[in-house]
Amino acid sequence: MILWQKGEASVREVHQVLSKTKDSGYTTTLKLMQIMFEKGLVKRDEKNKAHLYKPTVNRQKIQKQYLNKMIKGLFAGSSGELILQALMIKKPTLDEAEAIKKQLVNVKK
């Protein structure tokens, strides 16, 4: 998420943002960035001392892949169950609720 927002960032920059909400060490962030690089999820500019990382895939593609895995693994293939659970955990804003209603109407067609 951070790399999609910033476009590119060093491990230190990513870690600074993450450390505001998560309690993890710099080396953990570094290792995760290296794993993402090895998997081809990010590319790395090694010209400077502090390597800059950029995402190689767009956010929507990754979201679809992970949601697909979640639906299959955690919700027995039921997208409806995923949606119900998500709505129980965090209520949508009015705008989000309207967008959900529109999507539900399209599903019925």
N, C-alpha and C. Protein backbone atom coordinates (compact mmCIF):
# COMPACT_ATOMS: atom_id res chain seq x y z
N MET A 1 0.82 -1.19 0.00
CA MET A 1 0.00 0.00 0.00
C MET A 1 0.87 1.25 0.00
N ILE A 2 1.91 1.23 0.80
CA ILE A 2 2.77 2.40 0.93
C ILE A 2 3.45 2.70 -0.40
N LEU A 3 3.95 1.64 -1.06
CA LEU A 3 4.63 1.86 -2.33
C LEU A 3 3.67 2.35 -3.41
N TRP A 4 2.44 1.89 -3.39
CA TRP A 4 1.46 2.38 -4.37
C TRP A 4 1.16 3.85 -4.12
N GLN A 5 1.11 4.25 -2.86
CA GLN A 5 0.84 5.66 -2.54
C GLN A 5 2.02 6.55 -2.88
N LYS A 6 3.22 6.11 -2.56
CA LYS A 6 4.42 6.94 -2.77
C LYS A 6 4.99 6.80 -4.18
N GLY A 7 4.74 5.69 -4.83
CA GLY A 7 5.34 5.44 -6.13
C GLY A 7 6.65 4.69 -6.01
N GLU A 8 7.50 5.16 -5.13
CA GLU A 8 8.75 4.47 -4.80
C GLU A 8 9.18 4.91 -3.41
N ALA A 9 9.92 4.04 -2.74
CA ALA A 9 10.37 4.37 -1.39
C ALA A 9 11.50 3.44 -0.98
N SER A 10 12.31 3.92 -0.06
CA SER A 10 13.37 3.10 0.52
C SER A 10 12.76 2.25 1.64
N VAL A 11 13.51 1.27 2.08
CA VAL A 11 13.06 0.43 3.19
C VAL A 11 12.82 1.30 4.42
N ARG A 12 13.71 2.25 4.66
CA ARG A 12 13.57 3.14 5.82
C ARG A 12 12.26 3.92 5.75
N GLU A 13 11.93 4.44 4.58
CA GLU A 13 10.68 5.20 4.44
C GLU A 13 9.46 4.31 4.69
N VAL A 14 9.50 3.11 4.13
CA VAL A 14 8.38 2.17 4.34
C VAL A 14 8.28 1.83 5.82
N HIS A 15 9.41 1.56 6.44
CA HIS A 15 9.42 1.20 7.86
C HIS A 15 8.88 2.34 8.74
N GLN A 16 9.24 3.58 8.42
CA GLN A 16 8.75 4.72 9.20
C GLN A 16 7.23 4.79 9.17
N VAL A 17 6.65 4.55 8.01
CA VAL A 17 5.18 4.59 7.89
C VAL A 17 4.57 3.41 8.65
N LEU A 18 5.13 2.21 8.45
CA LEU A 18 4.60 1.02 9.12
C LEU A 18 4.69 1.11 10.64
N SER A 19 5.78 1.69 11.13
CA SER A 19 5.99 1.72 12.58
C SER A 19 4.99 2.62 13.30
N LYS A 20 4.25 3.42 12.56
CA LYS A 20 3.21 4.25 13.18
C LYS A 20 2.02 3.40 13.64
N THR A 21 1.82 2.25 12.97
CA THR A 21 0.67 1.41 13.31
C THR A 21 1.04 -0.01 13.70
N LYS A 22 2.27 -0.43 13.41
CA LYS A 22 2.69 -1.79 13.71
C LYS A 22 3.99 -1.77 14.51
N ASP A 23 4.11 -2.70 15.42
CA ASP A 23 5.32 -2.80 16.23
C ASP A 23 6.23 -3.87 15.63
N SER A 24 7.09 -3.47 14.69
CA SER A 24 8.03 -4.41 14.10
C SER A 24 9.36 -3.70 13.87
N GLY A 25 10.41 -4.49 13.78
CA GLY A 25 11.74 -3.93 13.61
C GLY A 25 12.07 -3.61 12.16
N TYR A 26 13.08 -2.81 12.00
CA TYR A 26 13.54 -2.42 10.66
C TYR A 26 13.95 -3.65 9.86
N THR A 27 14.63 -4.60 10.51
CA THR A 27 15.09 -5.78 9.78
C THR A 27 13.93 -6.63 9.27
N THR A 28 12.81 -6.61 9.98
CA THR A 28 11.62 -7.32 9.51
C THR A 28 11.09 -6.67 8.24
N THR A 29 11.03 -5.34 8.23
CA THR A 29 10.59 -4.62 7.04
C THR A 29 11.54 -4.90 5.88
N LEU A 30 12.84 -4.85 6.14
CA LEU A 30 13.84 -5.13 5.12
C LEU A 30 13.65 -6.52 4.53
N LYS A 31 13.47 -7.51 5.38
CA LYS A 31 13.30 -8.89 4.92
C LYS A 31 12.04 -9.03 4.06
N LEU A 32 10.96 -8.41 4.49
CA LEU A 32 9.72 -8.48 3.71
C LEU A 32 9.89 -7.83 2.34
N MET A 33 10.60 -6.71 2.30
CA MET A 33 10.85 -6.03 1.02
C MET A 33 11.72 -6.90 0.12
N GLN A 34 12.70 -7.59 0.70
CA GLN A 34 13.55 -8.49 -0.08
C GLN A 34 12.75 -9.67 -0.63
N ILE A 35 11.85 -10.21 0.18
CA ILE A 35 10.99 -11.31 -0.28
C ILE A 35 10.09 -10.83 -1.41
N MET A 36 9.53 -9.64 -1.26
CA MET A 36 8.67 -9.09 -2.32
C MET A 36 9.47 -8.90 -3.60
N PHE A 37 10.73 -8.49 -3.48
CA PHE A 37 11.60 -8.33 -4.64
C PHE A 37 11.85 -9.68 -5.31
N GLU A 38 12.17 -10.70 -4.51
CA GLU A 38 12.43 -12.04 -5.04
C GLU A 38 11.21 -12.62 -5.74
N LYS A 39 10.03 -12.28 -5.27
CA LYS A 39 8.79 -12.78 -5.87
C LYS A 39 8.33 -11.95 -7.06
N GLY A 40 9.05 -10.87 -7.33
CA GLY A 40 8.70 -10.03 -8.48
C GLY A 40 7.57 -9.05 -8.21
N LEU A 41 7.23 -8.85 -6.94
CA LEU A 41 6.15 -7.92 -6.61
C LEU A 41 6.62 -6.47 -6.62
N VAL A 42 7.92 -6.28 -6.42
CA VAL A 42 8.51 -4.94 -6.48
C VAL A 42 9.81 -5.02 -7.27
N LYS A 43 10.22 -3.89 -7.82
CA LYS A 43 11.55 -3.83 -8.42
C LYS A 43 12.39 -2.89 -7.58
N ARG A 44 13.70 -3.02 -7.71
CA ARG A 44 14.60 -2.30 -6.83
C ARG A 44 15.63 -1.53 -7.66
N ASP A 45 15.74 -0.25 -7.38
CA ASP A 45 16.75 0.60 -8.01
C ASP A 45 17.96 0.60 -7.09
N GLU A 46 19.05 0.02 -7.54
CA GLU A 46 20.23 -0.16 -6.70
C GLU A 46 21.31 0.88 -6.98
N LYS A 47 20.97 1.97 -7.65
CA LYS A 47 21.96 2.99 -7.99
C LYS A 47 22.49 3.73 -6.77
N ASN A 48 21.63 3.98 -5.81
CA ASN A 48 22.03 4.72 -4.60
C ASN A 48 22.29 3.75 -3.46
N LYS A 49 22.89 4.27 -2.40
CA LYS A 49 23.15 3.44 -1.22
C LYS A 49 21.84 2.89 -0.65
N ALA A 50 20.84 3.76 -0.53
CA ALA A 50 19.51 3.32 -0.07
C ALA A 50 18.72 2.90 -1.31
N HIS A 51 18.51 1.60 -1.44
CA HIS A 51 17.77 1.09 -2.60
C HIS A 51 16.34 1.61 -2.58
N LEU A 52 15.85 1.98 -3.75
CA LEU A 52 14.46 2.42 -3.87
C LEU A 52 13.64 1.29 -4.47
N TYR A 53 12.50 1.02 -3.86
CA TYR A 53 11.60 -0.04 -4.31
C TYR A 53 10.37 0.57 -4.97
N LYS A 54 9.91 -0.07 -6.05
CA LYS A 54 8.70 0.34 -6.75
C LYS A 54 7.83 -0.90 -6.97
N PRO A 55 6.52 -0.74 -6.88
CA PRO A 55 5.65 -1.90 -7.16
C PRO A 55 5.71 -2.26 -8.64
N THR A 56 5.64 -3.56 -8.93
CA THR A 56 5.65 -4.01 -10.32
C THR A 56 4.26 -4.41 -10.80
N VAL A 57 3.34 -4.59 -9.88
CA VAL A 57 1.96 -4.95 -10.24
C VAL A 57 1.02 -3.91 -9.64
N ASN A 58 -0.11 -3.73 -10.32
CA ASN A 58 -1.02 -2.71 -9.79
C ASN A 58 -1.81 -3.26 -8.60
N ARG A 59 -2.28 -2.34 -7.83
CA ARG A 59 -2.96 -2.65 -6.57
C ARG A 59 -4.19 -3.52 -6.77
N GLN A 60 -4.99 -3.22 -7.80
CA GLN A 60 -6.21 -3.99 -8.03
C GLN A 60 -5.92 -5.45 -8.36
N LYS A 61 -4.86 -5.68 -9.12
CA LYS A 61 -4.52 -7.06 -9.47
C LYS A 61 -4.15 -7.86 -8.22
N ILE A 62 -3.35 -7.26 -7.34
CA ILE A 62 -2.95 -7.93 -6.10
C ILE A 62 -4.17 -8.15 -5.20
N GLN A 63 -5.03 -7.14 -5.10
CA GLN A 63 -6.24 -7.28 -4.28
C GLN A 63 -7.08 -8.44 -4.77
N LYS A 64 -7.26 -8.56 -6.07
CA LYS A 64 -8.06 -9.65 -6.63
C LYS A 64 -7.43 -11.01 -6.30
N GLN A 65 -6.12 -11.11 -6.47
CA GLN A 65 -5.45 -12.38 -6.19
C GLN A 65 -5.61 -12.79 -4.73
N TYR A 66 -5.37 -11.85 -3.82
CA TYR A 66 -5.46 -12.19 -2.39
C TYR A 66 -6.91 -12.42 -1.96
N LEU A 67 -7.84 -11.66 -2.50
CA LEU A 67 -9.24 -11.90 -2.17
C LEU A 67 -9.68 -13.27 -2.65
N ASN A 68 -9.25 -13.65 -3.83
CA ASN A 68 -9.58 -14.97 -4.36
C ASN A 68 -9.08 -16.06 -3.41
N LYS A 69 -7.83 -15.93 -2.95
CA LYS A 69 -7.27 -16.91 -2.02
C LYS A 69 -8.04 -16.91 -0.70
N MET A 70 -8.40 -15.72 -0.22
CA MET A 70 -9.14 -15.62 1.04
C MET A 70 -10.52 -16.26 0.91
N ILE A 71 -11.21 -15.97 -0.18
CA ILE A 71 -12.55 -16.52 -0.38
C ILE A 71 -12.49 -18.04 -0.42
N LYS A 72 -11.52 -18.57 -1.15
CA LYS A 72 -11.39 -20.03 -1.25
C LYS A 72 -10.98 -20.65 0.08
N GLY A 73 -10.00 -20.06 0.74
CA GLY A 73 -9.43 -20.66 1.94
C GLY A 73 -10.20 -20.43 3.22
N LEU A 74 -10.72 -19.22 3.41
CA LEU A 74 -11.36 -18.88 4.67
C LEU A 74 -12.89 -18.91 4.63
N PHE A 75 -13.45 -18.79 3.44
CA PHE A 75 -14.91 -18.66 3.34
C PHE A 75 -15.53 -19.74 2.46
N ALA A 76 -14.82 -20.85 2.29
CA ALA A 76 -15.32 -22.01 1.53
C ALA A 76 -15.86 -21.62 0.16
N GLY A 77 -15.21 -20.66 -0.47
CA GLY A 77 -15.60 -20.25 -1.82
C GLY A 77 -16.77 -19.29 -1.88
N SER A 78 -17.26 -18.82 -0.74
CA SER A 78 -18.44 -17.96 -0.71
C SER A 78 -18.06 -16.48 -0.59
N SER A 79 -18.23 -15.75 -1.68
CA SER A 79 -17.94 -14.31 -1.64
C SER A 79 -18.99 -13.60 -0.76
N GLY A 80 -20.20 -14.13 -0.73
CA GLY A 80 -21.25 -13.55 0.11
C GLY A 80 -20.88 -13.59 1.58
N GLU A 81 -20.29 -14.71 2.01
CA GLU A 81 -19.88 -14.85 3.41
C GLU A 81 -18.76 -13.85 3.74
N LEU A 82 -17.84 -13.67 2.82
CA LEU A 82 -16.78 -12.67 3.02
C LEU A 82 -17.38 -11.28 3.19
N ILE A 83 -18.31 -10.94 2.34
CA ILE A 83 -18.93 -9.61 2.40
C ILE A 83 -19.70 -9.43 3.71
N LEU A 84 -20.45 -10.43 4.11
CA LEU A 84 -21.21 -10.33 5.36
C LEU A 84 -20.28 -10.15 6.55
N GLN A 85 -19.20 -10.90 6.59
CA GLN A 85 -18.23 -10.77 7.68
C GLN A 85 -17.60 -9.38 7.68
N ALA A 86 -17.23 -8.90 6.50
CA ALA A 86 -16.61 -7.57 6.40
C ALA A 86 -17.57 -6.49 6.89
N LEU A 87 -18.83 -6.59 6.53
CA LEU A 87 -19.82 -5.59 6.94
C LEU A 87 -20.10 -5.63 8.43
N MET A 88 -19.98 -6.82 9.03
CA MET A 88 -20.18 -6.92 10.48
C MET A 88 -19.00 -6.33 11.25
N ILE A 89 -17.81 -6.44 10.68
CA ILE A 89 -16.62 -5.93 11.35
C ILE A 89 -16.52 -4.42 11.25
N LYS A 90 -16.80 -3.88 10.08
CA LYS A 90 -16.69 -2.43 9.88
C LYS A 90 -17.82 -1.96 8.98
N LYS A 91 -18.67 -1.11 9.54
CA LYS A 91 -19.80 -0.60 8.78
C LYS A 91 -19.31 0.33 7.68
N PRO A 92 -19.90 0.23 6.49
CA PRO A 92 -19.50 1.11 5.39
C PRO A 92 -20.03 2.52 5.58
N THR A 93 -19.35 3.48 4.95
CA THR A 93 -19.88 4.85 4.92
C THR A 93 -21.12 4.86 4.04
N LEU A 94 -21.85 5.95 4.05
CA LEU A 94 -23.03 6.04 3.19
C LEU A 94 -22.66 5.90 1.72
N ASP A 95 -21.56 6.53 1.31
CA ASP A 95 -21.11 6.42 -0.08
C ASP A 95 -20.75 4.98 -0.43
N GLU A 96 -20.05 4.30 0.50
CA GLU A 96 -19.69 2.91 0.27
C GLU A 96 -20.93 2.03 0.19
N ALA A 97 -21.91 2.30 1.06
CA ALA A 97 -23.15 1.52 1.05
C ALA A 97 -23.88 1.68 -0.28
N GLU A 98 -23.90 2.89 -0.80
CA GLU A 98 -24.54 3.13 -2.11
C GLU A 98 -23.82 2.37 -3.22
N ALA A 99 -22.50 2.38 -3.18
CA ALA A 99 -21.72 1.65 -4.19
C ALA A 99 -21.98 0.15 -4.09
N ILE A 100 -22.10 -0.36 -2.86
CA ILE A 100 -22.40 -1.78 -2.65
C ILE A 100 -23.77 -2.11 -3.22
N LYS A 101 -24.76 -1.25 -2.95
CA LYS A 101 -26.12 -1.47 -3.47
C LYS A 101 -26.10 -1.54 -4.99
N LYS A 102 -25.38 -0.62 -5.62
CA LYS A 102 -25.31 -0.61 -7.09
C LYS A 102 -24.69 -1.91 -7.61
N GLN A 103 -23.65 -2.39 -6.96
CA GLN A 103 -23.02 -3.63 -7.38
C GLN A 103 -23.98 -4.82 -7.21
N LEU A 104 -24.74 -4.83 -6.13
CA LEU A 104 -25.71 -5.90 -5.91
C LEU A 104 -26.79 -5.91 -6.98
N VAL A 105 -27.23 -4.73 -7.39
CA VAL A 105 -28.21 -4.65 -8.48
C VAL A 105 -27.61 -5.23 -9.76
N ASN A 106 -26.35 -4.94 -10.04
CA ASN A 106 -25.69 -5.48 -11.24
C ASN A 106 -25.54 -6.98 -11.17
N VAL A 107 -25.35 -7.54 -9.97
CA VAL A 107 -25.22 -8.99 -9.82
C VAL A 107 -26.54 -9.67 -10.16
N LYS A 108 -27.65 -9.05 -9.82
CA LYS A 108 -28.96 -9.64 -10.07
C LYS A 108 -29.29 -9.70 -11.55
N LYS A 109 -28.70 -8.85 -12.36
CA LYS A 109 -29.01 -8.80 -13.80
C LYS A 109 -28.41 -9.96 -14.55
